[in-house]
C-alpha atoms as a PDB file:
ATOM      1  CA  UNK A   1      -3.972 -13.170  -5.642  1.00  0.00           C
ATOM      2  CA  UNK A   2      -6.492 -10.702  -3.770  1.00  0.00           C
ATOM      3  CA  UNK A   3      -6.301 -10.005  -0.205  1.00  0.00           C
ATOM      4  CA  UNK A   4      -9.633  -9.353   1.551  1.00  0.00           C
ATOM      5  CA  UNK A   5      -9.359  -6.079   3.697  1.00  0.00           C
ATOM      6  CA  UNK A   6      -8.603  -7.778   7.210  1.00  0.00           C
ATOM      7  CA  UNK A   7     -11.815  -6.589   8.695  1.00  0.00           C
ATOM      8  CA  UNK A   8     -14.892  -8.019   9.879  1.00  0.00           C
ATOM      9  CA  UNK A   9     -17.626  -7.011   6.968  1.00  0.00           C
ATOM     10  CA  UNK A  10     -18.793  -3.786   7.754  1.00  0.00           C
ATOM     11  CA  UNK A  11     -16.108  -2.584   9.915  1.00  0.00           C
ATOM     12  CA  UNK A  12     -13.878   0.274   9.612  1.00  0.00           C
ATOM     13  CA  UNK A  13      -9.852  -0.106   9.667  1.00  0.00           C
ATOM     14  CA  UNK A  14      -9.983   2.810  11.930  1.00  0.00           C
ATOM     15  CA  UNK A  15     -12.042   0.282  14.475  1.00  0.00           C
ATOM     16  CA  UNK A  16      -8.039   0.184  15.558  1.00  0.00           C
ATOM     17  CA  UNK A  17      -7.647   2.974  18.342  1.00  0.00           C
ATOM     18  CA  UNK A  18      -3.960   3.203  17.244  1.00  0.00           C
ATOM     19  CA  UNK A  19      -5.363   5.108  14.368  1.00  0.00           C
ATOM     20  CA  UNK A  20      -6.464   7.952  16.539  1.00  0.00           C
ATOM     21  CA  UNK A  21      -5.154  10.923  18.075  1.00  0.00           C
ATOM     22  CA  UNK A  22      -2.402  10.107  20.572  1.00  0.00           C
ATOM     23  CA  UNK A  23      -1.198  12.086  24.064  1.00  0.00           C
ATOM     24  CA  UNK A  24       1.275  14.672  22.909  1.00  0.00           C
ATOM     25  CA  UNK A  25       5.222  13.593  23.761  1.00  0.00           C
ATOM     26  CA  UNK A  26       6.622  16.041  26.422  1.00  0.00           C
ATOM     27  CA  UNK A  27       3.488  18.448  27.046  1.00  0.00           C
ATOM     28  CA  UNK A  28       4.430  18.446  30.800  1.00  0.00           C
ATOM     29  CA  UNK A  29       6.565  21.009  28.768  1.00  0.00           C
ATOM     30  CA  UNK A  30       9.940  22.814  29.519  1.00  0.00           C
ATOM     31  CA  UNK A  31      11.281  21.742  32.926  1.00  0.00           C
ATOM     32  CA  UNK A  32       9.133  19.162  34.074  1.00  0.00           C
ATOM     33  CA  UNK A  33      10.409  15.888  35.007  1.00  0.00           C
ATOM     34  CA  UNK A  34      13.674  16.808  33.110  1.00  0.00           C
ATOM     35  CA  UNK A  35      14.693  19.219  35.993  1.00  0.00           C
ATOM     36  CA  UNK A  36      17.989  17.267  37.401  1.00  0.00           C
ATOM     37  CA  UNK A  37      18.044  15.311  40.702  1.00  0.00           C
ATOM     38  CA  UNK A  38      19.829  16.757  43.449  1.00  0.00           C
ATOM     39  CA  UNK A  39      22.844  15.103  43.019  1.00  0.00           C
ATOM     40  CA  UNK A  40      22.872  13.059  40.355  1.00  0.00           C
ATOM     41  CA  UNK A  41      25.820  12.295  38.475  1.00  0.00           C
ATOM     42  CA  UNK A  42      25.536  12.167  34.614  1.00  0.00           C
ATOM     43  CA  UNK A  43      26.278   8.869  33.122  1.00  0.00           C
ATOM     44  CA  UNK A  44      27.124   7.475  29.863  1.00  0.00           C
ATOM     45  CA  UNK A  45      25.089   6.205  26.521  1.00  0.00           C
ATOM     46  CA  UNK A  46      24.093   3.505  27.824  1.00  0.00           C
ATOM     47  CA  UNK A  47      20.773   1.601  27.727  1.00  0.00           C
ATOM     48  CA  UNK A  48      18.458   3.706  29.928  1.00  0.00           C
ATOM     49  CA  UNK A  49      16.802   0.791  32.553  1.00  0.00           C
ATOM     50  CA  UNK A  50      13.398   2.063  32.044  1.00  0.00           C
ATOM     51  CA  UNK A  51      12.912   4.585  29.416  1.00  0.00           C
ATOM     52  CA  UNK A  52       9.613   3.272  28.165  1.00  0.00           C
ATOM     53  CA  UNK A  53       7.740   6.034  29.758  1.00  0.00           C
ATOM     54  CA  UNK A  54       5.418   7.290  26.625  1.00  0.00           C
ATOM     55  CA  UNK A  55       3.941   4.292  25.420  1.00  0.00           C
ATOM     56  CA  UNK A  56       2.570   2.419  28.159  1.00  0.00           C
ATOM     57  CA  UNK A  57       0.083   4.920  28.461  1.00  0.00           C
ATOM     58  CA  UNK A  58      -1.614   4.046  25.935  1.00  0.00           C
ATOM     59  CA  UNK A  59      -1.541   0.171  26.665  1.00  0.00           C
ATOM     60  CA  UNK A  60      -4.369  -0.096  29.104  1.00  0.00           C
ATOM     61  CA  UNK A  61      -6.880   2.552  26.546  1.00  0.00           C
ATOM     62  CA  UNK A  62      -6.738   0.477  23.613  1.00  0.00           C
ATOM     63  CA  UNK A  63      -8.637  -2.610  24.466  1.00  0.00           C
ATOM     64  CA  UNK A  64     -11.304  -0.336  26.069  1.00  0.00           C
ATOM     65  CA  UNK A  65     -11.132   2.210  23.025  1.00  0.00           C
ATOM     66  CA  UNK A  66     -11.674  -1.259  20.373  1.00  0.00           C
ATOM     67  CA  UNK A  67     -14.164  -2.664  22.332  1.00  0.00           C
ATOM     68  CA  UNK A  68     -16.209   0.736  22.434  1.00  0.00           C
ATOM     69  CA  UNK A  69     -16.088   0.754  18.724  1.00  0.00           C
ATOM     70  CA  UNK A  70     -17.015  -2.789  17.897  1.00  0.00           C
ATOM     71  CA  UNK A  71     -19.125  -3.551  20.857  1.00  0.00           C
ATOM     72  CA  UNK A  72     -20.725  -1.952  24.296  1.00  0.00           C
ATOM     73  CA  UNK A  73     -19.497  -1.176  27.492  1.00  0.00           C
ATOM     74  CA  UNK A  74     -19.850  -4.394  28.771  1.00  0.00           C
ATOM     75  CA  UNK A  75     -17.057  -5.243  26.327  1.00  0.00           C
ATOM     76  CA  UNK A  76     -15.318  -2.588  27.017  1.00  0.00           C
ATOM     77  CA  UNK A  77     -15.462  -3.457  30.919  1.00  0.00           C
ATOM     78  CA  UNK A  78     -14.575  -7.028  29.731  1.00  0.00           C
ATOM     79  CA  UNK A  79     -11.206  -5.460  27.546  1.00  0.00           C
ATOM     80  CA  UNK A  80     -10.332  -3.299  30.723  1.00  0.00           C
ATOM     81  CA  UNK A  81     -10.190  -6.256  32.553  1.00  0.00           C
ATOM     82  CA  UNK A  82      -7.882  -7.921  30.233  1.00  0.00           C
ATOM     83  CA  UNK A  83      -5.639  -5.365  30.525  1.00  0.00           C
ATOM     84  CA  UNK A  84      -5.469  -5.167  34.447  1.00  0.00           C
ATOM     85  CA  UNK A  85      -4.793  -8.749  34.185  1.00  0.00           C
ATOM     86  CA  UNK A  86      -2.334  -8.840  31.851  1.00  0.00           C
ATOM     87  CA  UNK A  87       0.453  -8.473  33.760  1.00  0.00           C
ATOM     88  CA  UNK A  88      -0.165 -10.612  36.949  1.00  0.00           C
ATOM     89  CA  UNK A  89      -0.388 -13.027  34.476  1.00  0.00           C
ATOM     90  CA  UNK A  90      -3.510 -14.752  35.944  1.00  0.00           C
ATOM     91  CA  UNK A  91      -3.729 -17.126  32.311  1.00  0.00           C
ATOM     92  CA  UNK A  92      -6.177 -19.334  31.386  1.00  0.00           C
ATOM     93  CA  UNK A  93      -3.738 -20.842  29.191  1.00  0.00           C
ATOM     94  CA  UNK A  94      -0.489 -23.280  29.809  1.00  0.00           C
ATOM     95  CA  UNK A  95       1.423 -21.337  33.165  1.00  0.00           C
ATOM     96  CA  UNK A  96       4.342 -21.790  30.785  1.00  0.00           C
ATOM     97  CA  UNK A  97       5.121 -21.401  26.477  1.00  0.00           C
ATOM     98  CA  UNK A  98       6.887 -24.232  26.906  1.00  0.00           C
ATOM     99  CA  UNK A  99       3.982 -26.633  27.706  1.00  0.00           C
ATOM    100  CA  UNK A 100       3.492 -27.540  23.323  1.00  0.00           C
ATOM    101  CA  UNK A 101       0.699 -30.001  24.607  1.00  0.00           C
ATOM    102  CA  UNK A 102      -1.347 -27.854  25.766  1.00  0.00           C
ATOM    103  CA  UNK A 103      -0.781 -25.166  23.005  1.00  0.00           C
ATOM    104  CA  UNK A 104      -1.443 -27.804  20.762  1.00  0.00           C
ATOM    105  CA  UNK A 105      -5.082 -28.400  22.262  1.00  0.00           C
ATOM    106  CA  UNK A 106      -5.811 -25.085  22.130  1.00  0.00           C
ATOM    107  CA  UNK A 107      -7.482 -23.030  18.810  1.00  0.00           C
ATOM    108  CA  UNK A 108      -5.225 -20.788  16.742  1.00  0.00           C
ATOM    109  CA  UNK A 109      -6.555 -17.893  18.208  1.00  0.00           C
ATOM    110  CA  UNK A 110      -6.347 -18.823  22.112  1.00  0.00           C
ATOM    111  CA  UNK A 111      -2.694 -20.101  21.153  1.00  0.00           C
ATOM    112  CA  UNK A 112      -1.914 -16.145  20.035  1.00  0.00           C
ATOM    113  CA  UNK A 113      -3.585 -14.799  22.849  1.00  0.00           C
ATOM    114  CA  UNK A 114      -1.883 -17.018  24.844  1.00  0.00           C
ATOM    115  CA  UNK A 115       1.413 -16.958  23.596  1.00  0.00           C
ATOM    116  CA  UNK A 116       1.615 -13.414  23.126  1.00  0.00           C
ATOM    117  CA  UNK A 117       0.264 -12.951  26.872  1.00  0.00           C
ATOM    118  CA  UNK A 118       3.071 -14.611  28.102  1.00  0.00           C
ATOM    119  CA  UNK A 119       5.671 -13.095  25.515  1.00  0.00           C
ATOM    120  CA  UNK A 120       4.950  -9.799  27.206  1.00  0.00           C
ATOM    121  CA  UNK A 121       5.224 -11.368  30.513  1.00  0.00           C
ATOM    122  CA  UNK A 122       8.878 -12.056  29.691  1.00  0.00           C
ATOM    123  CA  UNK A 123       8.057 -16.076  30.167  1.00  0.00           C
ATOM    124  CA  UNK A 124      10.561 -18.107  28.054  1.00  0.00           C
ATOM    125  CA  UNK A 125      10.168 -19.752  25.370  1.00  0.00           C
ATOM    126  CA  UNK A 126       6.930 -17.516  24.192  1.00  0.00           C
ATOM    127  CA  UNK A 127       8.274 -15.503  21.959  1.00  0.00           C
ATOM    128  CA  UNK A 128      10.086 -18.401  20.056  1.00  0.00           C
ATOM    129  CA  UNK A 129       6.883 -20.826  20.415  1.00  0.00           C
ATOM    130  CA  UNK A 130       5.157 -17.493  18.292  1.00  0.00           C
ATOM    131  CA  UNK A 131       7.982 -17.597  15.802  1.00  0.00           C
ATOM    132  CA  UNK A 132       7.095 -21.533  14.852  1.00  0.00           C
ATOM    133  CA  UNK A 133       3.342 -21.253  15.122  1.00  0.00           C
ATOM    134  CA  UNK A 134       2.591 -17.672  13.757  1.00  0.00           C
ATOM    135  CA  UNK A 135       2.942 -18.625   9.659  1.00  0.00           C
ATOM    136  CA  UNK A 136       0.074 -21.469  11.125  1.00  0.00           C
ATOM    137  CA  UNK A 137      -2.369 -18.875  12.167  1.00  0.00           C
ATOM    138  CA  UNK A 138      -3.065 -17.591   8.786  1.00  0.00           C
ATOM    139  CA  UNK A 139      -6.592 -16.965   8.021  1.00  0.00           C
ATOM    140  CA  UNK A 140      -7.419 -18.428  11.809  1.00  0.00           C
ATOM    141  CA  UNK A 141      -6.669 -15.239  13.741  1.00  0.00           C
ATOM    142  CA  UNK A 142      -9.049 -12.386  14.055  1.00  0.00           C
ATOM    143  CA  UNK A 143      -8.104  -9.097  15.143  1.00  0.00           C
ATOM    144  CA  UNK A 144     -10.592  -8.368  18.667  1.00  0.00           C
ATOM    145  CA  UNK A 145     -10.168  -6.891  21.662  1.00  0.00           C
ATOM    146  CA  UNK A 146      -8.048  -9.155  23.237  1.00  0.00           C
ATOM    147  CA  UNK A 147      -5.460  -8.987  20.138  1.00  0.00           C
ATOM    148  CA  UNK A 148      -5.431  -5.172  20.266  1.00  0.00           C
ATOM    149  CA  UNK A 149      -4.734  -4.772  24.254  1.00  0.00           C
ATOM    150  CA  UNK A 150      -2.060  -7.623  24.006  1.00  0.00           C
ATOM    151  CA  UNK A 151      -0.240  -6.244  20.585  1.00  0.00           C
ATOM    152  CA  UNK A 152       0.014  -2.858  22.154  1.00  0.00           C
ATOM    153  CA  UNK A 153       1.517  -4.193  25.491  1.00  0.00           C
ATOM    154  CA  UNK A 154       3.686  -5.853  23.310  1.00  0.00           C
ATOM    155  CA  UNK A 155       4.977  -3.153  20.806  1.00  0.00           C
ATOM    156  CA  UNK A 156       5.568  -1.033  24.594  1.00  0.00           C
ATOM    157  CA  UNK A 157       7.872  -3.720  25.750  1.00  0.00           C
ATOM    158  CA  UNK A 158      11.467  -2.960  26.374  1.00  0.00           C
ATOM    159  CA  UNK A 159      12.618  -5.685  24.935  1.00  0.00           C
ATOM    160  CA  UNK A 160      13.035  -5.834  21.158  1.00  0.00           C
ATOM    161  CA  UNK A 161      11.890  -9.784  20.411  1.00  0.00           C
ATOM    162  CA  UNK A 162       8.354  -9.410  22.298  1.00  0.00           C
ATOM    163  CA  UNK A 163       8.159  -6.063  20.153  1.00  0.00           C
ATOM    164  CA  UNK A 164       8.330  -8.373  17.109  1.00  0.00           C
ATOM    165  CA  UNK A 165       6.218 -10.970  18.084  1.00  0.00           C
ATOM    166  CA  UNK A 166       3.140  -8.318  18.618  1.00  0.00           C
ATOM    167  CA  UNK A 167       4.031  -7.597  14.937  1.00  0.00           C
ATOM    168  CA  UNK A 168       3.546 -11.073  13.650  1.00  0.00           C
ATOM    169  CA  UNK A 169       0.243 -11.501  15.919  1.00  0.00           C
ATOM    170  CA  UNK A 170      -1.022  -8.642  14.568  1.00  0.00           C
ATOM    171  CA  UNK A 171      -0.135  -9.283  10.647  1.00  0.00           C
ATOM    172  CA  UNK A 172      -1.762 -12.734  11.368  1.00  0.00           C
ATOM    173  CA  UNK A 173      -4.519 -10.748  12.883  1.00  0.00           C
ATOM    174  CA  UNK A 174      -4.845  -8.446  10.421  1.00  0.00           C
ATOM    175  CA  UNK A 175      -5.165 -11.623   7.489  1.00  0.00           C
ATOM    176  CA  UNK A 176      -2.291 -10.069   5.960  1.00  0.00           C
ATOM    177  CA  UNK A 177       0.451 -12.708   4.967  1.00  0.00           C
ATOM    178  CA  UNK A 178       4.244 -11.729   4.344  1.00  0.00           C
ATOM    179  CA  UNK A 179       4.118 -12.022   0.710  1.00  0.00           C
ATOM    180  CA  UNK A 180       3.781  -9.669  -2.342  1.00  0.00           C
ATOM    181  CA  UNK A 181       0.115 -10.143  -2.750  1.00  0.00           C
ATOM    182  CA  UNK A 182      -0.456  -8.475   0.844  1.00  0.00           C
ATOM    183  CA  UNK A 183       2.177  -6.129   0.224  1.00  0.00           C
ATOM    184  CA  UNK A 184       0.436  -5.112  -3.393  1.00  0.00           C
ATOM    185  CA  UNK A 185      -3.375  -4.853  -1.507  1.00  0.00           C
ATOM    186  CA  UNK A 186      -1.298  -2.544   1.313  1.00  0.00           C
ATOM    187  CA  UNK A 187      -0.107  -0.243  -1.623  1.00  0.00           C
ATOM    188  CA  UNK A 188      -3.267   0.268  -3.113  1.00  0.00           C
ATOM    189  CA  UNK A 189      -5.101   0.578  -0.024  1.00  0.00           C
ATOM    190  CA  UNK A 190      -2.217   3.839   1.082  1.00  0.00           C
ATOM    191  CA  UNK A 191      -3.614   5.447  -2.094  1.00  0.00           C
ATOM    192  CA  UNK A 192      -7.547   4.874  -1.134  1.00  0.00           C
ATOM    193  CA  UNK A 193      -9.914   7.944  -1.004  1.00  0.00           C
ATOM    194  CA  UNK A 194     -10.906   5.707   1.928  1.00  0.00           C
ATOM    195  CA  UNK A 195      -9.567   8.512   4.474  1.00  0.00           C
ATOM    196  CA  UNK A 196      -9.884   5.530   7.334  1.00  0.00           C
ATOM    197  CA  UNK A 197      -8.197   2.802   4.897  1.00  0.00           C
ATOM    198  CA  UNK A 198      -5.548   4.439   3.802  1.00  0.00           C
ATOM    199  CA  UNK A 199      -3.951   5.418   7.455  1.00  0.00           C
ATOM    200  CA  UNK A 200      -4.270   1.920   8.580  1.00  0.00           C
ATOM    201  CA  UNK A 201      -2.756   0.660   5.455  1.00  0.00           C
ATOM    202  CA  UNK A 202       0.240   3.200   5.975  1.00  0.00           C
ATOM    203  CA  UNK A 203       0.644   1.260   9.568  1.00  0.00           C
ATOM    204  CA  UNK A 204       0.384  -1.799   8.224  1.00  0.00           C
ATOM    205  CA  UNK A 205       3.284  -1.188   5.412  1.00  0.00           C
ATOM    206  CA  UNK A 206       5.619  -0.164   8.578  1.00  0.00           C
ATOM    207  CA  UNK A 207       4.743  -3.435  10.050  1.00  0.00           C
ATOM    208  CA  UNK A 208       5.159  -5.433   6.873  1.00  0.00           C
ATOM    209  CA  UNK A 209       8.521  -4.051   6.338  1.00  0.00           C
ATOM    210  CA  UNK A 210       9.757  -4.806   9.427  1.00  0.00           C
ATOM    211  CA  UNK A 211       9.265  -8.454   8.382  1.00  0.00           C
ATOM    212  CA  UNK A 212      11.021  -8.112   5.676  1.00  0.00           C
ATOM    213  CA  UNK A 213       9.036  -7.777   3.026  1.00  0.00           C
ATOM    214  CA  UNK A 214      10.401  -5.309   0.759  1.00  0.00           C
ATOM    215  CA  UNK A 215      11.351  -2.839   3.267  1.00  0.00           C
ATOM    216  CA  UNK A 216      13.018  -0.683   0.647  1.00  0.00           C
ATOM    217  CA  UNK A 217      10.354   0.059  -1.446  1.00  0.00           C
ATOM    218  CA  UNK A 218       8.179   0.296   1.464  1.00  0.00           C
ATOM    219  CA  UNK A 219      10.487   3.273   2.991  1.00  0.00           C
ATOM    220  CA  UNK A 220       9.948   4.994  -0.056  1.00  0.00           C
ATOM    221  CA  UNK A 221       5.989   4.836  -0.637  1.00  0.00           C
ATOM    222  CA  UNK A 222       6.103   6.238   3.420  1.00  0.00           C
ATOM    223  CA  UNK A 223       8.415   9.370   2.597  1.00  0.00           C
ATOM    224  CA  UNK A 224       6.291   9.883  -0.685  1.00  0.00           C
ATOM    225  CA  UNK A 225       3.311  10.201   1.911  1.00  0.00           C
ATOM    226  CA  UNK A 226       5.270  12.362   4.561  1.00  0.00           C
ATOM    227  CA  UNK A 227       5.011  15.105   2.026  1.00  0.00           C
ATOM    228  CA  UNK A 228       0.733  14.493   1.786  1.00  0.00           C
ATOM    229  CA  UNK A 229      -1.089  17.438   2.496  1.00  0.00           C
ATOM    230  CA  UNK A 230      -3.305  15.663   5.021  1.00  0.00           C
ATOM    231  CA  UNK A 231      -2.008  15.692   8.565  1.00  0.00           C
ATOM    232  CA  UNK A 232      -3.431  12.436   9.390  1.00  0.00           C
ATOM    233  CA  UNK A 233      -1.311  10.715   6.250  1.00  0.00           C
ATOM    234  CA  UNK A 234       1.695  12.499   7.513  1.00  0.00           C
ATOM    235  CA  UNK A 235       1.445  11.286  11.067  1.00  0.00           C
ATOM    236  CA  UNK A 236       0.954   7.883  10.081  1.00  0.00           C
ATOM    237  CA  UNK A 237       3.688   7.502   7.405  1.00  0.00           C
ATOM    238  CA  UNK A 238       5.953   8.468  10.708  1.00  0.00           C
ATOM    239  CA  UNK A 239       4.363   5.752  12.665  1.00  0.00           C
ATOM    240  CA  UNK A 240       4.569   3.008   9.610  1.00  0.00           C
ATOM    241  CA  UNK A 241       8.681   4.284   9.084  1.00  0.00           C
ATOM    242  CA  UNK A 242       9.516   3.912  12.797  1.00  0.00           C
ATOM    243  CA  UNK A 243       7.793   0.152  12.531  1.00  0.00           C
ATOM    244  CA  UNK A 244       9.838   0.028   9.602  1.00  0.00           C
ATOM    245  CA  UNK A 245      12.999   0.322  11.846  1.00  0.00           C
ATOM    246  CA  UNK A 246      15.972   1.193   9.741  1.00  0.00           C
ATOM    247  CA  UNK A 247      18.976   3.981  10.246  1.00  0.00           C
ATOM    248  CA  UNK A 248      18.249   5.755   7.488  1.00  0.00           C
ATOM    249  CA  UNK A 249      14.610   6.761   8.576  1.00  0.00           C
ATOM    250  CA  UNK A 250      16.269   8.511  11.656  1.00  0.00           C
ATOM    251  CA  UNK A 251      17.157  11.043   9.378  1.00  0.00           C
ATOM    252  CA  UNK A 252      14.152  11.237   7.798  1.00  0.00           C
ATOM    253  CA  UNK A 253      12.038  11.117  11.110  1.00  0.00           C
ATOM    254  CA  UNK A 254      15.115  13.958  12.643  1.00  0.00           C
ATOM    255  CA  UNK A 255      13.824  16.165   9.414  1.00  0.00           C
ATOM    256  CA  UNK A 256       9.839  15.477   9.914  1.00  0.00           C
ATOM    257  CA  UNK A 257      10.709  17.185  13.753  1.00  0.00           C
ATOM    258  CA  UNK A 258      12.084  19.952  12.131  1.00  0.00           C
ATOM    259  CA  UNK A 259      10.270  20.596   9.010  1.00  0.00           C
ATOM    260  CA  UNK A 260       6.724  19.363   9.628  1.00  0.00           C
ATOM    261  CA  UNK A 261       4.373  22.078   9.897  1.00  0.00           C
ATOM    262  CA  UNK A 262       1.551  19.913  12.174  1.00  0.00           C
ATOM    263  CA  UNK A 263       3.034  19.841  15.645  1.00  0.00           C
ATOM    264  CA  UNK A 264       1.200  16.279  15.861  1.00  0.00           C
ATOM    265  CA  UNK A 265       3.284  15.457  13.028  1.00  0.00           C
ATOM    266  CA  UNK A 266       6.539  16.428  14.532  1.00  0.00           C
ATOM    267  CA  UNK A 267       5.383  15.002  18.202  1.00  0.00           C
ATOM    268  CA  UNK A 268       4.918  11.597  16.660  1.00  0.00           C
ATOM    269  CA  UNK A 269       8.413  11.860  15.240  1.00  0.00           C
ATOM    270  CA  UNK A 270      10.006  12.726  18.350  1.00  0.00           C
ATOM    271  CA  UNK A 271       8.565   9.849  19.861  1.00  0.00           C
ATOM    272  CA  UNK A 272       9.494   7.758  17.342  1.00  0.00           C
ATOM    273  CA  UNK A 273      12.774   8.783  17.454  1.00  0.00           C
ATOM    274  CA  UNK A 274      13.077   8.452  21.098  1.00  0.00           C
ATOM    275  CA  UNK A 275      11.360   5.328  22.235  1.00  0.00           C
ATOM    276  CA  UNK A 276       8.524   4.151  19.582  1.00  0.00           C
ATOM    277  CA  UNK A 277       8.702   1.881  16.973  1.00  0.00           C
ATOM    278  CA  UNK A 278      11.175  -0.642  16.188  1.00  0.00           C
ATOM    279  CA  UNK A 279      15.109   1.287  16.970  1.00  0.00           C
ATOM    280  CA  UNK A 280      17.780  -0.522  18.407  1.00  0.00           C
ATOM    281  CA  UNK A 281      19.067   2.027  21.310  1.00  0.00           C
ATOM    282  CA  UNK A 282      22.142   1.980  19.089  1.00  0.00           C
ATOM    283  CA  UNK A 283      20.252   3.693  16.156  1.00  0.00           C
ATOM    284  CA  UNK A 284      18.687   6.068  18.251  1.00  0.00           C
ATOM    285  CA  UNK A 285      22.208   7.353  19.583  1.00  0.00           C
ATOM    286  CA  UNK A 286      22.758   8.786  16.067  1.00  0.00           C
ATOM    287  CA  UNK A 287      20.338  11.138  16.234  1.00  0.00           C
ATOM    288  CA  UNK A 288      21.832  12.584  19.880  1.00  0.00           C
ATOM    289  CA  UNK A 289      24.203  15.537  17.727  1.00  0.00           C
ATOM    290  CA  UNK A 290      20.830  16.797  15.947  1.00  0.00           C
ATOM    291  CA  UNK A 291      18.508  16.382  18.767  1.00  0.00           C
ATOM    292  CA  UNK A 292      21.087  19.027  20.481  1.00  0.00           C
ATOM    293  CA  UNK A 293      21.019  21.625  17.484  1.00  0.00           C
ATOM    294  CA  UNK A 294      16.990  21.673  17.715  1.00  0.00           C
ATOM    295  CA  UNK A 295      17.053  22.633  21.360  1.00  0.00           C
ATOM    296  CA  UNK A 296      18.129  25.766  20.539  1.00  0.00           C
ATOM    297  CA  UNK A 297      17.313  26.547  17.130  1.00  0.00           C
ATOM    298  CA  UNK A 298      15.796  29.905  16.586  1.00  0.00           C
ATOM    299  CA  UNK A 299      13.547  28.465  13.414  1.00  0.00           C
ATOM    300  CA  UNK A 300      12.050  25.967  15.750  1.00  0.00           C
ATOM    301  CA  UNK A 301       9.440  26.983  18.556  1.00  0.00           C
ATOM    302  CA  UNK A 302       9.237  26.264  22.219  1.00  0.00           C
ATOM    303  CA  UNK A 303       7.361  23.045  22.253  1.00  0.00           C
ATOM    304  CA  UNK A 304       9.540  21.799  19.689  1.00  0.00           C
ATOM    305  CA  UNK A 305      12.600  22.838  21.685  1.00  0.00           C
ATOM    306  CA  UNK A 306      10.888  20.853  24.616  1.00  0.00           C
ATOM    307  CA  UNK A 307      10.207  17.942  22.730  1.00  0.00           C
ATOM    308  CA  UNK A 308      14.006  17.774  21.440  1.00  0.00           C
ATOM    309  CA  UNK A 309      14.965  17.800  25.205  1.00  0.00           C
ATOM    310  CA  UNK A 310      12.557  15.234  26.603  1.00  0.00           C
ATOM    311  CA  UNK A 311      13.960  12.701  23.152  1.00  0.00           C
ATOM    312  CA  UNK A 312      17.388  13.328  24.575  1.00  0.00           C
ATOM    313  CA  UNK A 313      16.108  12.429  27.953  1.00  0.00           C
ATOM    314  CA  UNK A 314      14.585   9.138  26.761  1.00  0.00           C
ATOM    315  CA  UNK A 315      17.370   8.046  24.229  1.00  0.00           C
ATOM    316  CA  UNK A 316      20.300   8.246  26.961  1.00  0.00           C
ATOM    317  CA  UNK A 317      18.303   7.798  30.231  1.00  0.00           C
ATOM    318  CA  UNK A 318      19.779  11.433  32.061  1.00  0.00           C
ATOM    319  CA  UNK A 319      17.468  14.022  33.642  1.00  0.00           C
ATOM    320  CA  UNK A 320      19.255  17.121  32.983  1.00  0.00           C
ATOM    321  CA  UNK A 321      17.731  20.458  32.782  1.00  0.00           C
ATOM    322  CA  UNK A 322      15.888  21.981  29.608  1.00  0.00           C
ATOM    323  CA  UNK A 323      19.006  23.590  29.129  1.00  0.00           C
ATOM    324  CA  UNK A 324      21.175  22.935  26.027  1.00  0.00           C
ATOM    325  CA  UNK A 325      24.974  24.128  27.206  1.00  0.00           C
ATOM    326  CA  UNK A 326      24.254  21.368  30.081  1.00  0.00           C
ATOM    327  CA  UNK A 327      23.315  18.678  27.525  1.00  0.00           C
ATOM    328  CA  UNK A 328      25.708  19.520  25.054  1.00  0.00           C
ATOM    329  CA  UNK A 329      28.807  19.259  28.142  1.00  0.00           C
ATOM    330  CA  UNK A 330      27.418  16.047  29.379  1.00  0.00           C
ATOM    331  CA  UNK A 331      27.021  14.795  25.556  1.00  0.00           C
ATOM    332  CA  UNK A 332      30.369  15.919  25.486  1.00  0.00           C
ATOM    333  CA  UNK A 333      32.056  13.989  28.131  1.00  0.00           C
ATOM    334  CA  UNK A 334      30.227  11.175  27.313  1.00  0.00           C
ATOM    335  CA  UNK A 335      29.924  10.379  23.304  1.00  0.00           C
ATOM    336  CA  UNK A 336      33.539   8.235  23.283  1.00  0.00           C
ATOM    337  CA  UNK A 337      32.494   5.995  25.804  1.00  0.00           C
END
């Protein structure tokens, strides 16, 4: 069966403000905050306690921007209020995700919003509740500024299960069931002459692949789009691949960092390898040798060198200077630990 576009009539897929240019990754430049702290002792290749520095910058703006697309300034102010209240958890919903009776009395839209808010706040049981209810939300949950804010916050979480919950809620809000019909619709849309619909489809294909819907086929399609003449299409193929999150994609993104002619696309590939998307810490560590080689590759420009240094810092949690030898020395001491 056909799948209708998951947006209100007349609303463009690009109303999702994530499909807009994002602040550059590492624009502080060489030396900035990566300078080693006096007296710091390099550690091992362990999970950094708070490596999520880039993604959360965007989270607060998402709801505001979406409200400006679909409504007015009043809605934008309401979206910002939603975001500022998000982490203080002043819910109108259940105090606990385990309060199933109260959740059952809510409409699906409010269930999704309340549970994702609780999941972002790391409340016990919220992720499991989303998993058990999300299939029943199809056709009943709509994309709005609240969902935009919450899914963005979820995708910026340092907890992979919360990120997965954000993907589940986003697919439900887009009206995309995890099946072959939805996949076929997205594959057609990814070839659309409508620019906004195309780049939205590239993003949504990554969401589908992450949830197990023909991931190999999706990765093949997104890989082809890495060669598109259009810069936006290549960027959103990168974003979709990062969402898919399989280990071979790391090599594709590393190649993009090195070869893509667009600084913006190279930046997004570096961020995807370092911290965004759906890769595990163990997967990201595999990129370190190649990133080290990029830090002084004479075929790359200074900004790309800086992105490689920042990616190394984000993956390892280390704050070394932008010096290739310093990073190689640290890696040689710690790579077997």
